[in-house]
Amino acid sequence: MKGVIFRGLEALVIEKCGMAAWDDLLEKNAPEGRVYISAESYPDEEIVGLAQDVATALSMSMPEVLKAFGEYLFSHLKARHPAIVDSFNSFADLIISIDKVIHVEVAKLYHEPNLPEIDAQIIEDGFILMRYNSKRQLCMCAEGLIFGAAAHYGVDAKLNHAQCMHDGFDSCLIEIKYETPHG
């Protein structure tokens, strides 16, 4: 997992719980003296351990924490790379461009980013069908990122996780229904 993702989690924990809470999480889940550098890669187990402990501390389920983190992460990544998000005119344009545009740009910025495979298609106005596939199975984080994008564009989005890798499927199928503020 790239350090930029850890930095997003760090920012969220510090904002919500304070620096001491982040230090405690690091002490338990990362090697001594760990400082996450955005472009570097770190073991997936570290982010999972950190997220599990956040879930415990906040009395939330792991899926709830991952979804909340994904939503926060959208604004964190947008702040770091505004030109990527600003190049899209709408929520739908951004969502359908994740794999073919956004992930291409991410690969230019970060060596071996190990990104999920995402195929999103507009089925009809207000309805996008997204297929998500990743060995990490962080589909709840992907849902949060979708909600973060919706908030950015002022869109009311509702998701239905029609099939999930956690239930034995080869990929997740996420139905995204949305309304723009003017329609």
C-alpha atoms as a PDB file:
ATOM      1  CA  MET A   1       0.000   0.000   0.000  1.00  0.00           C
ATOM      2  CA  LYS A   2       1.330   3.426  -0.900  1.00  0.00           C
ATOM      3  CA  GLY A   3       2.270   5.855   1.819  1.00  0.00           C
ATOM      4  CA  VAL A   4      -0.192   8.451   0.494  1.00  0.00           C
ATOM      5  CA  ILE A   5      -3.011   6.194   1.728  1.00  0.00           C
ATOM      6  CA  PHE A   6      -1.392   5.875   5.162  1.00  0.00           C
ATOM      7  CA  ARG A   7      -0.956   9.657   5.231  1.00  0.00           C
ATOM      8  CA  GLY A   8      -4.684  10.013   4.591  1.00  0.00           C
ATOM      9  CA  LEU A   9      -5.478   7.709   7.503  1.00  0.00           C
ATOM     10  CA  GLU A  10      -3.000   9.614   9.663  1.00  0.00           C
ATOM     11  CA  ALA A  11      -4.695  12.929   8.819  1.00  0.00           C
ATOM     12  CA  LEU A  12      -8.137  11.494   9.605  1.00  0.00           C
ATOM     13  CA  VAL A  13      -7.075  10.010  12.959  1.00  0.00           C
ATOM     14  CA  ILE A  14      -5.256  13.171  14.025  1.00  0.00           C
ATOM     15  CA  GLU A  15      -8.220  15.350  12.996  1.00  0.00           C
ATOM     16  CA  LYS A  16     -10.770  13.197  14.841  1.00  0.00           C
ATOM     17  CA  CYS A  17      -8.785  11.795  17.782  1.00  0.00           C
ATOM     18  CA  GLY A  18      -5.532  13.750  18.115  1.00  0.00           C
ATOM     19  CA  MET A  19      -1.834  13.084  17.600  1.00  0.00           C
ATOM     20  CA  ALA A  20      -1.530  10.891  20.697  1.00  0.00           C
ATOM     21  CA  ALA A  21      -4.079   8.470  19.224  1.00  0.00           C
ATOM     22  CA  TRP A  22      -2.091   8.244  15.977  1.00  0.00           C
ATOM     23  CA  ASP A  23       1.128   7.660  17.927  1.00  0.00           C
ATOM     24  CA  ASP A  24      -0.569   4.859  19.884  1.00  0.00           C
ATOM     25  CA  LEU A  25      -1.786   3.230  16.649  1.00  0.00           C
ATOM     26  CA  LEU A  26       1.698   3.395  15.131  1.00  0.00           C
ATOM     27  CA  GLU A  27       3.290   1.944  18.247  1.00  0.00           C
ATOM     28  CA  LYS A  28       0.995  -1.077  18.046  1.00  0.00           C
ATOM     29  CA  ASN A  29       0.882  -1.632  14.259  1.00  0.00           C
ATOM     30  CA  ALA A  30       4.091  -0.368  12.659  1.00  0.00           C
ATOM     31  CA  PRO A  31       7.829  -0.825  13.122  1.00  0.00           C
ATOM     32  CA  GLU A  32       9.455   1.551  15.592  1.00  0.00           C
ATOM     33  CA  GLY A  33      10.126   4.985  14.116  1.00  0.00           C
ATOM     34  CA  ARG A  34       7.834   4.440  11.119  1.00  0.00           C
ATOM     35  CA  VAL A  35       7.134   7.590   9.125  1.00  0.00           C
ATOM     36  CA  TYR A  36       4.957   7.119   6.049  1.00  0.00           C
ATOM     37  CA  ILE A  37       6.275   8.734   2.883  1.00  0.00           C
ATOM     38  CA  SER A  38       3.627   9.192   0.192  1.00  0.00           C
ATOM     39  CA  ALA A  39       5.531   7.636  -2.714  1.00  0.00           C
ATOM     40  CA  GLU A  40       6.854   4.637  -0.764  1.00  0.00           C
ATOM     41  CA  SER A  41       5.148   1.255  -0.400  1.00  0.00           C
ATOM     42  CA  TYR A  42       4.366  -0.359   2.950  1.00  0.00           C
ATOM     43  CA  PRO A  43       2.941  -3.752   3.951  1.00  0.00           C
ATOM     44  CA  ASP A  44      -0.828  -4.049   3.583  1.00  0.00           C
ATOM     45  CA  GLU A  45      -0.927  -5.638   7.035  1.00  0.00           C
ATOM     46  CA  GLU A  46      -0.009  -2.284   8.585  1.00  0.00           C
ATOM     47  CA  ILE A  47      -3.020  -0.445   7.150  1.00  0.00           C
ATOM     48  CA  VAL A  48      -5.304  -3.335   8.087  1.00  0.00           C
ATOM     49  CA  GLY A  49      -3.993  -3.328  11.667  1.00  0.00           C
ATOM     50  CA  LEU A  50      -4.346   0.429  11.919  1.00  0.00           C
ATOM     51  CA  ALA A  51      -7.901   0.321  10.530  1.00  0.00           C
ATOM     52  CA  GLN A  52      -8.885  -2.538  12.867  1.00  0.00           C
ATOM     53  CA  ASP A  53      -7.664  -0.595  15.884  1.00  0.00           C
ATOM     54  CA  VAL A  54      -9.485   2.548  14.698  1.00  0.00           C
ATOM     55  CA  ALA A  55     -12.652   0.439  14.402  1.00  0.00           C
ATOM     56  CA  THR A  56     -12.198  -0.865  17.940  1.00  0.00           C
ATOM     57  CA  ALA A  57     -11.441   2.593  19.371  1.00  0.00           C
ATOM     58  CA  LEU A  58     -14.517   4.116  17.714  1.00  0.00           C
ATOM     59  CA  SER A  59     -16.816   1.117  18.336  1.00  0.00           C
ATOM     60  CA  MET A  60     -17.386   0.775  14.603  1.00  0.00           C
ATOM     61  CA  SER A  61     -17.252  -2.223  12.317  1.00  0.00           C
ATOM     62  CA  MET A  62     -14.320  -2.574   9.939  1.00  0.00           C
ATOM     63  CA  PRO A  63     -16.582  -1.941   6.899  1.00  0.00           C
ATOM     64  CA  GLU A  64     -17.906   1.248   8.537  1.00  0.00           C
ATOM     65  CA  VAL A  65     -14.377   2.481   9.241  1.00  0.00           C
ATOM     66  CA  LEU A  66     -13.201   1.688   5.705  1.00  0.00           C
ATOM     67  CA  LYS A  67     -16.196   3.489   4.200  1.00  0.00           C
ATOM     68  CA  ALA A  68     -15.667   6.552   6.420  1.00  0.00           C
ATOM     69  CA  PHE A  69     -11.962   6.506   5.601  1.00  0.00           C
ATOM     70  CA  GLY A  70     -12.660   6.275   1.857  1.00  0.00           C
ATOM     71  CA  GLU A  71     -14.950   9.287   2.032  1.00  0.00           C
ATOM     72  CA  TYR A  72     -12.305  11.281   3.890  1.00  0.00           C
ATOM     73  CA  LEU A  73      -9.587   9.989   1.566  1.00  0.00           C
ATOM     74  CA  PHE A  74     -11.268  11.506  -1.488  1.00  0.00           C
ATOM     75  CA  SER A  75     -10.838  15.038  -0.137  1.00  0.00           C
ATOM     76  CA  HIS A  76      -7.319  14.213   1.096  1.00  0.00           C
ATOM     77  CA  LEU A  77      -6.252  12.992  -2.355  1.00  0.00           C
ATOM     78  CA  LYS A  78      -8.019  15.875  -4.099  1.00  0.00           C
ATOM     79  CA  ALA A  79      -6.055  18.335  -1.955  1.00  0.00           C
ATOM     80  CA  ARG A  80      -2.788  16.600  -2.893  1.00  0.00           C
ATOM     81  CA  HIS A  81      -3.592  16.234  -6.614  1.00  0.00           C
ATOM     82  CA  PRO A  82      -6.258  18.824  -7.487  1.00  0.00           C
ATOM     83  CA  ALA A  83      -5.510  18.843 -11.228  1.00  0.00           C
ATOM     84  CA  ILE A  84      -6.620  15.222 -11.559  1.00  0.00           C
ATOM     85  CA  VAL A  85     -10.041  15.793  -9.961  1.00  0.00           C
ATOM     86  CA  ASP A  86     -10.489  19.221 -11.530  1.00  0.00           C
ATOM     87  CA  SER A  87     -10.139  17.706 -14.999  1.00  0.00           C
ATOM     88  CA  PHE A  88     -13.609  16.121 -14.665  1.00  0.00           C
ATOM     89  CA  ASN A  89     -16.807  18.087 -15.261  1.00  0.00           C
ATOM     90  CA  SER A  90     -19.118  15.825 -13.304  1.00  0.00           C
ATOM     91  CA  PHE A  91     -19.447  13.010 -10.817  1.00  0.00           C
ATOM     92  CA  ALA A  92     -20.306  10.539 -13.591  1.00  0.00           C
ATOM     93  CA  ASP A  93     -17.303  11.600 -15.699  1.00  0.00           C
ATOM     94  CA  LEU A  94     -14.982  11.018 -12.752  1.00  0.00           C
ATOM     95  CA  ILE A  95     -16.453   7.636 -11.787  1.00  0.00           C
ATOM     96  CA  ILE A  96     -16.365   6.172 -15.304  1.00  0.00           C
ATOM     97  CA  SER A  97     -12.776   7.422 -15.730  1.00  0.00           C
ATOM     98  CA  ILE A  98     -11.269   5.874 -12.596  1.00  0.00           C
ATOM     99  CA  ASP A  99      -9.395   3.041 -14.312  1.00  0.00           C
ATOM    100  CA  LYS A 100      -8.625   4.588 -17.693  1.00  0.00           C
ATOM    101  CA  VAL A 101      -7.668   8.099 -16.564  1.00  0.00           C
ATOM    102  CA  ILE A 102      -7.215   8.458 -12.796  1.00  0.00           C
ATOM    103  CA  HIS A 103      -5.318   5.210 -12.270  1.00  0.00           C
ATOM    104  CA  VAL A 104      -3.118   6.002 -15.296  1.00  0.00           C
ATOM    105  CA  GLU A 105      -2.217   9.338 -13.680  1.00  0.00           C
ATOM    106  CA  VAL A 106      -1.627   7.658 -10.319  1.00  0.00           C
ATOM    107  CA  ALA A 107       0.750   5.183 -11.989  1.00  0.00           C
ATOM    108  CA  LYS A 108       2.737   8.143 -13.348  1.00  0.00           C
ATOM    109  CA  LEU A 109       3.048   9.648  -9.863  1.00  0.00           C
ATOM    110  CA  TYR A 110       3.718   6.504  -7.819  1.00  0.00           C
ATOM    111  CA  HIS A 111       5.956   3.558  -8.714  1.00  0.00           C
ATOM    112  CA  GLU A 112       4.057   0.227  -8.686  1.00  0.00           C
ATOM    113  CA  PRO A 113       0.870   1.581  -7.105  1.00  0.00           C
ATOM    114  CA  ASN A 114      -0.881  -1.846  -7.093  1.00  0.00           C
ATOM    115  CA  LEU A 115      -4.284  -0.366  -7.886  1.00  0.00           C
ATOM    116  CA  PRO A 116      -7.628  -2.152  -7.967  1.00  0.00           C
ATOM    117  CA  GLU A 117      -9.230  -2.916 -11.316  1.00  0.00           C
ATOM    118  CA  ILE A 118     -12.339  -0.829 -11.801  1.00  0.00           C
ATOM    119  CA  ASP A 119     -14.738  -0.894 -14.720  1.00  0.00           C
ATOM    120  CA  ALA A 120     -17.559   1.634 -14.496  1.00  0.00           C
ATOM    121  CA  GLN A 121     -20.193   2.199 -17.138  1.00  0.00           C
ATOM    122  CA  ILE A 122     -23.157   4.524 -17.363  1.00  0.00           C
ATOM    123  CA  ILE A 123     -26.206   2.307 -17.778  1.00  0.00           C
ATOM    124  CA  GLU A 124     -28.601   5.255 -18.017  1.00  0.00           C
ATOM    125  CA  ASP A 125     -28.763   8.814 -16.745  1.00  0.00           C
ATOM    126  CA  GLY A 126     -28.392   8.591 -12.966  1.00  0.00           C
ATOM    127  CA  PHE A 127     -27.193   4.973 -12.902  1.00  0.00           C
ATOM    128  CA  ILE A 128     -23.602   3.702 -13.077  1.00  0.00           C
ATOM    129  CA  LEU A 129     -22.617   0.070 -12.748  1.00  0.00           C
ATOM    130  CA  MET A 130     -19.134  -0.462 -11.301  1.00  0.00           C
ATOM    131  CA  ARG A 131     -17.133  -3.665 -11.155  1.00  0.00           C
ATOM    132  CA  TYR A 132     -14.358  -3.611  -8.518  1.00  0.00           C
ATOM    133  CA  ASN A 133     -11.601  -6.212  -8.250  1.00  0.00           C
ATOM    134  CA  SER A 134      -8.617  -6.152  -5.906  1.00  0.00           C
ATOM    135  CA  LYS A 135      -6.687  -8.755  -3.965  1.00  0.00           C
ATOM    136  CA  ARG A 136      -6.917  -6.360  -1.000  1.00  0.00           C
ATOM    137  CA  GLN A 137     -10.726  -6.485  -1.093  1.00  0.00           C
ATOM    138  CA  LEU A 138     -11.084  -2.899   0.136  1.00  0.00           C
ATOM    139  CA  CYS A 139     -14.422  -2.436  -1.590  1.00  0.00           C
ATOM    140  CA  MET A 140     -15.860  -0.574   1.401  1.00  0.00           C
ATOM    141  CA  CYS A 141     -13.081   1.982   1.046  1.00  0.00           C
ATOM    142  CA  ALA A 142     -14.031   2.264  -2.647  1.00  0.00           C
ATOM    143  CA  GLU A 143     -17.631   2.922  -1.586  1.00  0.00           C
ATOM    144  CA  GLY A 144     -16.395   5.705   0.683  1.00  0.00           C
ATOM    145  CA  LEU A 145     -14.369   7.216  -2.154  1.00  0.00           C
ATOM    146  CA  ILE A 146     -17.538   7.213  -4.297  1.00  0.00           C
ATOM    147  CA  PHE A 147     -19.428   9.037  -1.535  1.00  0.00           C
ATOM    148  CA  GLY A 148     -16.535  11.504  -1.238  1.00  0.00           C
ATOM    149  CA  ALA A 149     -16.705  12.190  -4.975  1.00  0.00           C
ATOM    150  CA  ALA A 150     -20.478  12.602  -4.776  1.00  0.00           C
ATOM    151  CA  ALA A 151     -20.103  15.154  -1.969  1.00  0.00           C
ATOM    152  CA  HIS A 152     -17.474  17.027  -3.983  1.00  0.00           C
ATOM    153  CA  TYR A 153     -19.857  17.362  -6.937  1.00  0.00           C
ATOM    154  CA  GLY A 154     -22.940  18.047  -4.807  1.00  0.00           C
ATOM    155  CA  VAL A 155     -24.536  14.792  -5.919  1.00  0.00           C
ATOM    156  CA  ASP A 156     -26.886  12.619  -3.877  1.00  0.00           C
ATOM    157  CA  ALA A 157     -25.589   9.059  -4.401  1.00  0.00           C
ATOM    158  CA  LYS A 158     -27.012   5.756  -3.226  1.00  0.00           C
ATOM    159  CA  LEU A 159     -25.034   2.530  -3.541  1.00  0.00           C
ATOM    160  CA  ASN A 160     -26.120  -1.070  -3.725  1.00  0.00           C
ATOM    161  CA  HIS A 161     -23.346  -3.620  -3.328  1.00  0.00           C
ATOM    162  CA  ALA A 162     -25.079  -6.210  -5.554  1.00  0.00           C
ATOM    163  CA  GLN A 163     -22.245  -8.728  -5.209  1.00  0.00           C
ATOM    164  CA  CYS A 164     -19.108  -8.704  -3.073  1.00  0.00           C
ATOM    165  CA  MET A 165     -15.734 -10.432  -3.063  1.00  0.00           C
ATOM    166  CA  HIS A 166     -16.196 -10.954   0.685  1.00  0.00           C
ATOM    167  CA  ASP A 167     -19.103 -13.262  -0.201  1.00  0.00           C
ATOM    168  CA  GLY A 168     -16.987 -15.394  -2.548  1.00  0.00           C
ATOM    169  CA  PHE A 169     -17.518 -13.551  -5.845  1.00  0.00           C
ATOM    170  CA  ASP A 170     -14.563 -12.894  -8.171  1.00  0.00           C
ATOM    171  CA  SER A 171     -15.313  -9.169  -8.087  1.00  0.00           C
ATOM    172  CA  CYS A 172     -17.668  -6.689  -6.485  1.00  0.00           C
ATOM    173  CA  LEU A 173     -20.567  -5.236  -8.405  1.00  0.00           C
ATOM    174  CA  ILE A 174     -21.637  -1.838  -7.118  1.00  0.00           C
ATOM    175  CA  GLU A 175     -24.749  -0.118  -8.419  1.00  0.00           C
ATOM    176  CA  ILE A 176     -24.472   3.660  -8.139  1.00  0.00           C
ATOM    177  CA  LYS A 177     -27.701   5.635  -8.396  1.00  0.00           C
ATOM    178  CA  TYR A 178     -27.317   9.388  -8.238  1.00  0.00           C
ATOM    179  CA  GLU A 179     -29.129  12.666  -8.692  1.00  0.00           C
ATOM    180  CA  THR A 180     -27.499  15.949  -9.491  1.00  0.00           C
ATOM    181  CA  PRO A 181     -28.660  19.053  -7.571  1.00  0.00           C
ATOM    182  CA  HIS A 182     -30.659  20.289 -10.578  1.00  0.00           C
ATOM    183  CA  GLY A 183     -32.310  17.040 -11.543  1.00  0.00           C
END
